[in-house]
Amino acid sequence: MTTSTTPVAYPVHVDAELDPQLSRGLWLVKWLLAIPHYIVLAVLWIAFMVTSVVAFLAILFTGHYPRALFEFNVGVMRWTWRVAYYAYGALGTDRYPPFTLADVPDYPAHLEVEYPERLSRGLVLVKWWLMAIPHYLIVGLFVGGLGYGVRGADEAPLLSAGLIGLLVLVAAVVLLFTGRYPRQIFDLILGLNRWVLRVAGYVALMTDRYPPFELQQGGHEQQGDSYSQPSHPSTPRSGWTAGRVVSLVLGSVLVVGGLGSAAGGAALVSADQLARDADGFLTSPQLELGTDSYAITSEDIHLDTSDSLKDLPDRLIGDVRLTAEETDGTDLFIGIASAADLRTYLDATAHDTLIEILDGNPVYRSTSGAAPQGAPTDQTFWVAEATGIRPELTWAFEEGDWAAVVMNADGSAAVTADVSAGAEVPVLGTVIAILFILSGVLLLGGGVLIAVPIRSASRKPEEASGEEAVSRT
């Protein structure tokens, strides 16, 4: 006796219908028409990432994906698929996508995900990164893994396209000149998109079933020897109203902002603890400077404050420290002077000006000239100076135009030095405190804005209608 087994459909269902009459040229401006959707989807995907983290924790501790979060995340994926189908993920319809998370039965593109009653608590730890690696490699080729042709000065590709994008471009060109979308290309594009969306559902923790390594082409999923056309509900089952979605999105943005503020505060704490020297200065790593000329100067530093803010530099920056170290035994000179005095001193002198540090290397602007008129140690206009094998100067930052210089103490040519700069930055402790307080406020506010709509969307319809009836009475 022969037993035939019908393949079980994958729980992420993707199907679409190709519009029979597509505009020849509308696809040229769909990027512009879709901008409102791109803006909305940008914030929806922020919420998607936050709710996915919440779902991850829920699955890890309970084995269940909260139903309200599941419906929201499926809605975001559904919305994304509709926009991609309209725009450059398929160009399969000229009908403008609706602004809703719910399924629209008469729209030509659909996405459904079967709700899992239970998920593996252990598998959730590895399936979204380790187990999905083979699919990531394939999906990368589908959506943007092929670099081509146009390169910049740094040899990085400026443009890249995946297989889906290239096929859609071919279909668009054919449509432009013939008015017909090639059916075979359409079937292949739908199959590739179906593969991508199945992987997306898997890594978004919506199923434990591993995505199959098979390309099911065509607008509808294949079941055995036939194609299935799933029915689509006429009314959304989801409890996600527009107000709840807005609250969730706003809460997610606040949570992301709070986490960013906390990360900034933590980074500053690390710098405050690790980068301060024994005297309390936040000090930069040493930078190797060198020139065949007679001096290396900084660009002008301009500080101008009103009388009411004249103490601001001291409160914000405090004292500044400059340290240089010579490796061949020659005495160095480092000094700070008004920019005008230093320009006068080096006016006819060959010197280099440090204009930026690019990839850890100094970039100079060179000025030609002769030797200086007198050694730097003989000048009297310095507001701070130091001489030696490892000179170090400390200066209280003041209003005005200033510049720093590194020279050999005897004024000779060929200056080499390892230089570092530091400042007390007394305001740093206050900034850290503000960042952590702001983080707490944002996380608390965002948590409330997320929790309230999730709780409301999780209520059963009869519970919601019962509460509404009580409120009316």
Protein backbone atom coordinates (compact mmCIF):
# COMPACT_ATOMS: atom_id res chain seq x y z
CA MET A 1 0.00 0.00 0.00
CA THR A 2 1.35 3.39 -0.97
CA THR A 3 0.95 6.33 1.36
CA SER A 4 1.26 9.85 0.00
CA THR A 5 2.23 12.66 2.27
CA THR A 6 1.19 16.21 1.51
CA PRO A 7 3.82 18.74 2.56
CA VAL A 8 2.77 20.85 5.51
CA ALA A 9 2.68 24.54 4.68
CA TYR A 10 5.24 26.74 6.35
CA PRO A 11 3.57 28.93 9.02
CA VAL A 12 4.65 32.18 7.29
CA HIS A 13 2.26 32.55 4.35
CA VAL A 14 3.06 35.01 1.55
CA ASP A 15 0.93 35.42 -1.54
CA ALA A 16 0.12 38.06 -4.12
CA GLU A 17 -1.78 38.72 -7.34
CA LEU A 18 -0.18 40.48 -10.29
CA ASP A 19 -2.25 43.43 -11.50
CA PRO A 20 -3.31 42.72 -15.10
CA GLN A 21 -3.03 46.36 -16.17
CA LEU A 22 0.10 48.05 -14.84
CA SER A 23 1.15 51.57 -15.80
CA ARG A 24 4.19 51.66 -18.04
CA GLY A 25 5.86 54.57 -16.27
CA LEU A 26 4.39 54.89 -12.77
CA TRP A 27 7.24 52.83 -11.33
CA LEU A 28 9.61 55.72 -12.14
CA VAL A 29 8.03 57.84 -9.38
CA LYS A 30 6.92 55.20 -6.89
CA TRP A 31 9.97 55.99 -4.75
CA LEU A 32 8.46 59.44 -4.24
CA LEU A 33 4.90 58.22 -3.73
CA ALA A 34 6.04 55.68 -1.14
CA ILE A 35 7.90 58.20 1.05
CA PRO A 36 5.00 58.55 3.56
CA HIS A 37 5.03 54.78 4.02
CA TYR A 38 8.81 54.72 4.45
CA ILE A 39 8.57 57.34 7.20
CA VAL A 40 5.84 55.44 9.05
CA LEU A 41 7.64 52.12 8.65
CA ALA A 42 10.86 53.61 10.05
CA VAL A 43 9.17 54.29 13.39
CA LEU A 44 7.13 51.08 13.27
CA TRP A 45 10.33 49.06 12.94
CA ILE A 46 11.76 50.80 15.99
CA ALA A 47 8.71 49.55 17.86
CA PHE A 48 9.13 46.14 16.21
CA MET A 49 12.66 45.82 17.62
CA VAL A 50 11.52 46.81 21.12
CA THR A 51 8.54 44.44 21.12
CA SER A 52 10.75 41.66 19.76
CA VAL A 53 13.05 42.06 22.76
CA VAL A 54 10.03 41.88 25.07
CA ALA A 55 8.80 38.80 23.19
CA PHE A 56 12.28 37.23 23.47
CA LEU A 57 12.17 37.55 27.26
CA ALA A 58 8.60 36.28 27.42
CA ILE A 59 9.45 33.20 25.34
CA LEU A 60 12.62 32.59 27.35
CA PHE A 61 10.76 32.54 30.68
CA THR A 62 7.28 31.30 29.72
CA GLY A 63 7.56 29.58 26.32
CA HIS A 64 4.82 31.81 24.91
CA TYR A 65 4.89 34.71 22.46
CA PRO A 66 2.47 37.34 23.88
CA ARG A 67 -0.46 37.38 21.47
CA ALA A 68 -0.78 41.18 21.32
CA LEU A 69 2.92 41.59 20.50
CA PHE A 70 2.68 38.82 17.91
CA GLU A 71 -0.23 40.54 16.14
CA PHE A 72 1.58 43.88 16.16
CA ASN A 73 4.81 42.46 14.75
CA VAL A 74 2.99 40.47 12.08
CA GLY A 75 1.17 43.68 11.19
CA VAL A 76 4.46 45.52 10.73
CA MET A 77 5.78 42.75 8.49
CA ARG A 78 2.50 42.74 6.54
CA TRP A 79 2.63 46.51 6.05
CA THR A 80 6.26 46.25 4.93
CA TRP A 81 5.40 43.52 2.42
CA ARG A 82 2.54 45.54 0.93
CA VAL A 83 4.80 48.57 0.44
CA ALA A 84 7.57 46.41 -1.02
CA TYR A 85 5.08 44.77 -3.38
CA TYR A 86 3.84 48.17 -4.54
CA ALA A 87 7.33 49.66 -4.81
CA TYR A 88 10.67 48.16 -5.70
CA GLY A 89 10.36 44.80 -3.98
CA ALA A 90 8.10 43.58 -6.79
CA LEU A 91 6.27 46.43 -8.63
CA GLY A 92 3.35 44.01 -8.75
CA THR A 93 0.54 46.54 -8.30
CA ASP A 94 -0.24 50.20 -8.91
CA ARG A 95 -2.79 50.27 -6.10
CA TYR A 96 -1.51 52.47 -3.27
CA PRO A 97 -0.89 50.49 -0.06
CA PRO A 98 -3.29 51.11 2.84
CA PHE A 99 -2.00 52.57 6.11
CA THR A 100 -2.94 49.71 8.42
CA LEU A 101 -1.43 46.76 10.26
CA ALA A 102 -4.45 44.62 9.49
CA ASP A 103 -4.88 42.46 6.44
CA VAL A 104 -6.88 44.09 3.63
CA PRO A 105 -8.72 41.27 1.82
CA ASP A 106 -9.03 42.99 -1.54
CA TYR A 107 -5.42 44.25 -1.66
CA PRO A 108 -3.29 42.09 -3.99
CA ALA A 109 -0.51 41.34 -1.47
CA HIS A 110 -0.99 39.37 1.74
CA LEU A 111 1.10 38.05 4.61
CA GLU A 112 -0.14 35.82 7.42
CA VAL A 113 1.76 34.05 10.20
CA GLU A 114 0.20 31.22 12.18
CA TYR A 115 0.27 31.95 15.90
CA PRO A 116 2.39 29.37 17.77
CA GLU A 117 0.73 28.10 20.94
CA ARG A 118 4.13 27.25 22.41
CA LEU A 119 7.75 27.96 21.49
CA SER A 120 11.01 26.41 22.66
CA ARG A 121 12.56 28.35 25.55
CA GLY A 122 16.06 27.18 24.66
CA LEU A 123 15.85 27.55 20.90
CA VAL A 124 15.02 31.25 21.25
CA LEU A 125 18.60 31.84 22.39
CA VAL A 126 20.22 30.67 19.17
CA LYS A 127 17.78 30.53 16.27
CA TRP A 128 17.81 34.25 15.43
CA TRP A 129 21.58 34.41 14.98
CA LEU A 130 23.44 31.08 14.97
CA MET A 131 20.92 28.80 13.29
CA ALA A 132 19.89 31.47 10.78
CA ILE A 133 23.43 32.11 9.47
CA PRO A 134 23.01 29.95 6.32
CA HIS A 135 19.81 31.79 5.48
CA TYR A 136 21.41 35.17 6.19
CA LEU A 137 24.01 34.42 3.52
CA ILE A 138 21.35 33.53 0.99
CA VAL A 139 19.05 36.42 1.88
CA GLY A 140 22.02 38.77 1.56
CA LEU A 141 22.36 37.74 -2.06
CA PHE A 142 18.63 38.17 -2.61
CA VAL A 143 18.25 41.66 -1.13
CA GLY A 144 21.61 43.39 -1.47
CA GLY A 145 24.70 41.25 -1.48
CA LEU A 146 25.97 41.95 -4.98
CA GLY A 147 28.26 44.97 -5.18
CA TYR A 148 29.07 46.33 -8.58
CA GLY A 149 31.08 48.69 -10.58
CA VAL A 150 30.96 52.12 -9.06
CA ARG A 151 33.61 52.68 -6.39
CA GLY A 152 34.84 55.67 -4.47
CA ALA A 153 38.31 56.77 -3.48
CA ASP A 154 38.27 54.41 -0.50
CA GLU A 155 37.45 51.47 -2.83
CA ALA A 156 34.13 50.87 -1.03
CA PRO A 157 31.15 50.08 -3.28
CA LEU A 158 28.85 53.06 -3.65
CA LEU A 159 26.03 51.01 -5.12
CA SER A 160 24.87 47.49 -4.52
CA ALA A 161 21.91 45.43 -5.62
CA GLY A 162 20.50 42.08 -4.71
CA LEU A 163 18.98 39.54 -7.03
CA ILE A 164 15.47 40.77 -6.25
CA GLY A 165 16.37 44.36 -7.13
CA LEU A 166 18.01 43.35 -10.40
CA LEU A 167 15.02 41.21 -11.43
CA VAL A 168 12.59 43.99 -10.56
CA LEU A 169 14.67 46.40 -12.66
CA VAL A 170 14.52 44.00 -15.62
CA ALA A 171 10.76 43.66 -15.21
CA ALA A 172 10.37 47.46 -14.97
CA VAL A 173 12.31 48.06 -18.18
CA VAL A 174 10.26 45.43 -20.02
CA LEU A 175 7.07 46.99 -18.62
CA LEU A 176 8.17 50.44 -19.77
CA PHE A 177 8.68 49.37 -23.38
CA THR A 178 6.04 46.67 -23.81
CA GLY A 179 3.38 47.45 -21.20
CA ARG A 180 3.65 43.86 -19.96
CA TYR A 181 5.16 42.45 -16.76
CA PRO A 182 6.90 39.14 -17.64
CA ARG A 183 5.05 36.42 -15.73
CA GLN A 184 8.07 34.18 -15.28
CA ILE A 185 10.07 37.02 -13.72
CA PHE A 186 7.11 37.84 -11.48
CA ASP A 187 6.89 34.24 -10.25
CA LEU A 188 10.61 34.19 -9.49
CA ILE A 189 10.48 37.55 -7.67
CA LEU A 190 7.58 36.34 -5.53
CA GLY A 191 9.47 33.16 -4.70
CA LEU A 192 12.55 35.10 -3.60
CA ASN A 193 10.45 37.49 -1.49
CA ARG A 194 8.66 34.52 0.07
CA TRP A 195 12.03 33.05 1.08
CA VAL A 196 13.10 36.37 2.64
CA LEU A 197 9.85 36.80 4.58
CA ARG A 198 9.93 33.23 5.87
CA VAL A 199 13.42 33.84 7.24
CA ALA A 200 12.22 37.15 8.72
CA GLY A 201 9.40 35.37 10.55
CA TYR A 202 11.81 32.75 11.88
CA VAL A 203 14.44 35.19 13.16
CA ALA A 204 11.66 37.38 14.61
CA LEU A 205 10.89 34.36 16.85
CA MET A 206 7.43 33.77 15.37
CA THR A 207 8.00 30.07 14.71
CA ASP A 208 10.36 27.27 15.66
CA ARG A 209 10.08 25.60 12.26
CA TYR A 210 13.28 26.08 10.31
CA PRO A 211 12.69 27.84 6.95
CA PRO A 212 12.95 25.35 4.07
CA PHE A 213 15.74 25.67 1.53
CA GLU A 214 13.35 25.71 -1.38
CA LEU A 215 12.13 28.31 -3.81
CA GLN A 216 8.35 28.25 -4.13
CA GLN A 217 7.68 30.49 -7.07
CA GLY A 218 4.42 32.11 -8.04
CA GLY A 219 1.97 34.40 -6.34
CA HIS A 220 0.51 31.63 -4.17
CA GLU A 221 2.15 28.95 -2.06
CA GLN A 222 2.41 25.46 -3.50
CA GLN A 223 0.90 22.51 -1.65
CA GLY A 224 1.94 19.24 -3.25
CA ASP A 225 0.95 19.49 -6.91
CA SER A 226 -1.39 22.44 -6.48
CA TYR A 227 -1.31 26.02 -5.37
CA SER A 228 -3.21 27.20 -2.32
CA GLN A 229 -4.93 30.54 -2.16
CA PRO A 230 -5.44 31.26 1.54
CA SER A 231 -8.54 33.09 2.60
CA HIS A 232 -8.09 36.47 4.19
CA PRO A 233 -10.33 37.69 7.00
CA SER A 234 -12.61 40.59 6.19
CA THR A 235 -12.15 42.20 9.60
CA PRO A 236 -8.97 42.37 11.66
CA ARG A 237 -8.91 40.24 14.77
CA SER A 238 -6.20 42.42 16.27
CA GLY A 239 -6.86 44.82 19.12
CA TRP A 240 -4.34 47.30 17.76
CA THR A 241 -6.20 50.54 17.19
CA ALA A 242 -4.49 53.60 15.75
CA GLY A 243 -4.16 55.18 19.20
CA ARG A 244 -2.56 52.07 20.67
CA VAL A 245 -0.12 51.80 17.79
CA VAL A 246 0.88 55.47 18.21
CA SER A 247 1.37 54.95 21.95
CA LEU A 248 3.49 51.84 21.39
CA VAL A 249 5.62 53.55 18.74
CA LEU A 250 6.15 56.66 20.87
CA GLY A 251 7.01 54.50 23.88
CA SER A 252 9.50 52.50 21.82
CA VAL A 253 11.19 55.68 20.60
CA LEU A 254 11.46 56.88 24.22
CA VAL A 255 12.90 53.54 25.32
CA VAL A 256 15.50 53.61 22.53
CA GLY A 257 16.35 57.20 23.48
CA GLY A 258 16.63 56.20 27.14
CA LEU A 259 18.95 53.33 26.31
CA GLY A 260 21.05 55.66 24.16
CA SER A 261 21.24 58.17 26.99
CA ALA A 262 22.28 55.42 29.42
CA ALA A 263 24.92 54.18 26.97
CA GLY A 264 26.29 57.71 26.64
CA GLY A 265 26.42 58.07 30.40
CA ALA A 266 28.17 54.73 30.76
CA ALA A 267 30.73 55.71 28.12
CA LEU A 268 31.45 58.95 29.95
CA VAL A 269 31.79 57.06 33.25
CA SER A 270 34.29 54.75 31.58
CA ALA A 271 36.24 57.72 30.21
CA ASP A 272 36.11 59.46 33.56
CA GLN A 273 37.52 56.42 35.33
CA LEU A 274 40.00 55.15 32.76
CA ALA A 275 41.26 58.24 30.94
CA ARG A 276 42.01 60.47 33.93
CA ASP A 277 45.59 60.61 35.11
CA ALA A 278 46.76 60.87 38.70
CA ASP A 279 46.28 64.66 38.67
CA GLY A 280 42.66 64.44 37.51
CA PHE A 281 43.17 65.35 33.83
CA LEU A 282 41.30 63.57 31.06
CA THR A 283 44.21 62.86 28.73
CA SER A 284 44.23 61.85 25.09
CA PRO A 285 46.46 59.06 23.74
CA GLN A 286 49.87 60.20 22.51
CA LEU A 287 50.01 61.41 18.90
CA GLU A 288 53.29 61.15 17.03
CA LEU A 289 54.12 64.47 15.33
CA GLY A 290 57.04 65.13 13.04
CA THR A 291 58.29 67.70 10.55
CA ASP A 292 61.49 68.66 8.75
CA SER A 293 60.69 72.32 9.35
CA TYR A 294 61.21 74.37 12.53
CA ALA A 295 57.86 74.16 14.30
CA ILE A 296 54.49 72.43 14.52
CA THR A 297 51.59 74.66 15.50
CA SER A 298 47.92 74.10 16.18
CA GLU A 299 45.17 75.94 14.39
CA ASP A 300 43.82 79.01 16.17
CA ILE A 301 41.56 78.30 19.15
CA HIS A 302 38.90 81.03 19.47
CA LEU A 303 37.00 81.58 22.70
CA ASP A 304 34.63 84.53 23.10
CA THR A 305 32.17 84.82 25.99
CA SER A 306 30.01 87.58 27.39
CA ASP A 307 30.75 89.08 30.78
CA SER A 308 28.04 86.96 32.40
CA LEU A 309 29.67 83.79 31.02
CA LYS A 310 33.32 84.69 31.51
CA ASP A 311 33.72 81.90 34.09
CA LEU A 312 32.14 79.32 31.79
CA PRO A 313 35.40 77.94 30.28
CA ASP A 314 36.77 77.31 33.74
CA ARG A 315 33.58 75.52 34.82
CA LEU A 316 33.36 73.46 31.65
CA ILE A 317 36.99 72.76 30.74
CA GLY A 318 39.06 73.77 33.75
CA ASP A 319 42.84 73.74 33.38
CA VAL A 320 44.43 72.41 30.18
CA ARG A 321 47.58 70.30 30.14
CA LEU A 322 49.91 69.75 27.16
CA THR A 323 52.68 67.14 27.28
CA ALA A 324 55.38 66.30 24.72
CA GLU A 325 58.05 63.63 24.71
CA GLU A 326 61.21 63.49 22.58
CA THR A 327 62.71 60.08 21.83
CA ASP A 328 66.21 61.03 20.62
CA GLY A 329 67.38 63.09 23.62
CA THR A 330 66.83 66.60 22.18
CA ASP A 331 65.26 69.20 24.47
CA LEU A 332 61.77 70.20 23.32
CA PHE A 333 59.86 73.42 23.81
CA ILE A 334 56.07 73.57 24.05
CA GLY A 335 54.22 76.83 24.49
CA ILE A 336 50.85 78.55 24.28
CA ALA A 337 50.55 82.13 23.09
CA SER A 338 48.04 84.46 21.55
CA ALA A 339 47.50 83.51 17.92
CA ALA A 340 48.62 86.96 16.74
CA ASP A 341 51.93 86.83 18.66
CA LEU A 342 52.71 83.33 17.41
CA ARG A 343 51.97 84.29 13.79
CA THR A 344 54.30 87.27 14.10
CA TYR A 345 57.06 85.09 15.53
CA LEU A 346 56.73 82.42 12.81
CA ASP A 347 55.80 84.77 9.95
CA ALA A 348 58.99 84.14 7.96
CA THR A 349 59.71 80.72 9.47
CA ALA A 350 59.19 77.34 7.81
CA HIS A 351 56.60 75.52 9.89
CA ASP A 352 53.67 73.08 9.70
CA THR A 353 50.16 73.61 11.06
CA LEU A 354 48.25 70.58 12.33
CA ILE A 355 44.80 70.84 10.71
CA GLU A 356 43.25 67.44 11.46
CA ILE A 357 43.87 63.87 12.51
CA LEU A 358 42.74 61.40 9.86
CA ASP A 359 42.63 57.69 10.75
CA GLY A 360 45.03 58.34 13.61
CA ASN A 361 47.54 60.19 11.42
CA PRO A 362 48.27 63.94 11.58
CA VAL A 363 47.51 66.10 8.53
CA TYR A 364 49.51 69.32 8.13
CA ARG A 365 49.37 72.56 6.20
CA SER A 366 52.96 73.57 5.36
CA THR A 367 54.31 77.13 5.28
CA SER A 368 57.68 77.78 3.66
CA GLY A 369 60.30 80.07 5.12
CA ALA A 370 63.66 80.26 6.87
CA ALA A 371 64.88 79.64 10.41
CA PRO A 372 63.16 81.51 13.27
CA GLN A 373 64.55 84.79 14.52
CA GLY A 374 65.68 83.53 17.91
CA ALA A 375 65.02 80.40 19.94
CA PRO A 376 61.52 79.98 21.40
CA THR A 377 62.95 80.07 24.92
CA ASP A 378 64.14 83.67 24.31
CA GLN A 379 60.60 84.94 23.56
CA THR A 380 58.53 86.69 26.21
CA PHE A 381 54.97 86.47 24.82
CA TRP A 382 54.15 82.93 26.02
CA VAL A 383 51.23 82.58 28.45
CA ALA A 384 52.43 79.06 29.31
CA GLU A 385 55.63 77.25 28.37
CA ALA A 386 57.80 74.26 29.27
CA THR A 387 61.19 72.91 28.14
CA GLY A 388 62.91 69.55 28.49
CA ILE A 389 63.05 65.96 27.31
CA ARG A 390 59.43 65.58 28.48
CA PRO A 391 58.05 69.08 28.89
CA GLU A 392 54.63 69.52 30.46
CA LEU A 393 52.65 72.73 30.82
CA THR A 394 49.37 73.54 32.55
CA TRP A 395 47.27 76.52 31.52
CA ALA A 396 43.97 77.98 32.66
CA PHE A 397 41.78 78.36 29.57
CA GLU A 398 40.90 82.04 28.96
CA GLU A 399 38.91 84.13 26.52
CA GLY A 400 40.78 85.08 23.36
CA ASP A 401 42.49 83.61 20.28
CA TRP A 402 45.19 81.12 21.17
CA ALA A 403 47.57 78.69 19.50
CA ALA A 404 50.03 76.04 20.69
CA VAL A 405 53.48 75.21 19.29
CA VAL A 406 56.03 72.40 19.54
CA MET A 407 59.66 73.21 18.63
CA ASN A 408 63.17 72.16 19.45
CA ALA A 409 64.31 74.22 22.42
CA ASP A 410 67.25 75.66 20.44
CA GLY A 411 65.03 76.56 17.45
CA SER A 412 66.64 73.99 15.12
CA ALA A 413 64.83 72.14 12.35
CA ALA A 414 63.46 68.57 12.30
CA VAL A 415 60.97 68.41 15.16
CA THR A 416 59.64 65.04 16.35
CA ALA A 417 57.55 64.55 19.45
CA ASP A 418 54.85 62.36 20.97
CA VAL A 419 52.20 64.82 22.14
CA SER A 420 49.14 64.39 24.34
CA ALA A 421 46.60 66.90 25.58
CA GLY A 422 44.31 66.84 28.56
CA ALA A 423 41.75 68.87 30.49
CA GLU A 424 40.12 68.68 33.90
CA VAL A 425 36.53 68.92 32.53
CA PRO A 426 34.88 69.46 35.92
CA VAL A 427 31.43 69.51 34.29
CA LEU A 428 31.70 65.84 33.32
CA GLY A 429 30.20 64.56 36.57
CA THR A 430 27.15 66.78 36.09
CA VAL A 431 26.72 65.64 32.49
CA ILE A 432 26.86 62.00 33.59
CA ALA A 433 24.22 62.58 36.23
CA ILE A 434 21.94 64.39 33.76
CA LEU A 435 22.28 61.58 31.20
CA PHE A 436 21.35 58.89 33.72
CA ILE A 437 18.42 60.92 35.08
CA LEU A 438 17.21 61.55 31.53
CA SER A 439 17.61 57.85 30.77
CA GLY A 440 15.49 56.91 33.77
CA VAL A 441 12.74 59.36 32.82
CA LEU A 442 12.69 58.21 29.19
CA LEU A 443 12.68 54.51 30.10
CA LEU A 444 9.90 55.00 32.66
CA GLY A 445 7.76 57.06 30.31
CA GLY A 446 8.43 54.74 27.40
CA GLY A 447 7.65 51.67 29.51
CA VAL A 448 4.27 53.10 30.49
CA LEU A 449 3.43 54.06 26.91
CA ILE A 450 4.32 50.52 25.78
CA ALA A 451 2.64 48.61 28.62
CA VAL A 452 -0.74 50.37 28.43
CA PRO A 453 -1.50 49.62 24.74
CA ILE A 454 -0.16 46.06 25.06
CA ARG A 455 -2.48 45.43 27.99
CA SER A 456 -5.41 46.96 26.13
CA ALA A 457 -4.68 45.05 22.93
CA SER A 458 -4.35 41.80 24.90
CA ARG A 459 -7.89 41.96 26.26
CA LYS A 460 -10.45 39.72 24.67
CA PRO A 461 -13.16 41.50 22.66
CA GLU A 462 -15.87 40.54 25.17
CA GLU A 463 -13.79 41.96 28.03
CA ALA A 464 -13.27 45.23 26.18
CA SER A 465 -16.96 45.56 25.28
CA GLY A 466 -17.94 44.73 28.86
CA GLU A 467 -15.69 47.46 30.25
CA GLU A 468 -17.05 49.92 27.72
CA ALA A 469 -20.62 49.06 28.77
CA VAL A 470 -19.75 49.60 32.44
CA SER A 471 -18.14 52.95 31.64
CA ARG A 472 -21.25 54.07 29.74
CA THR A 473 -23.51 53.25 32.67
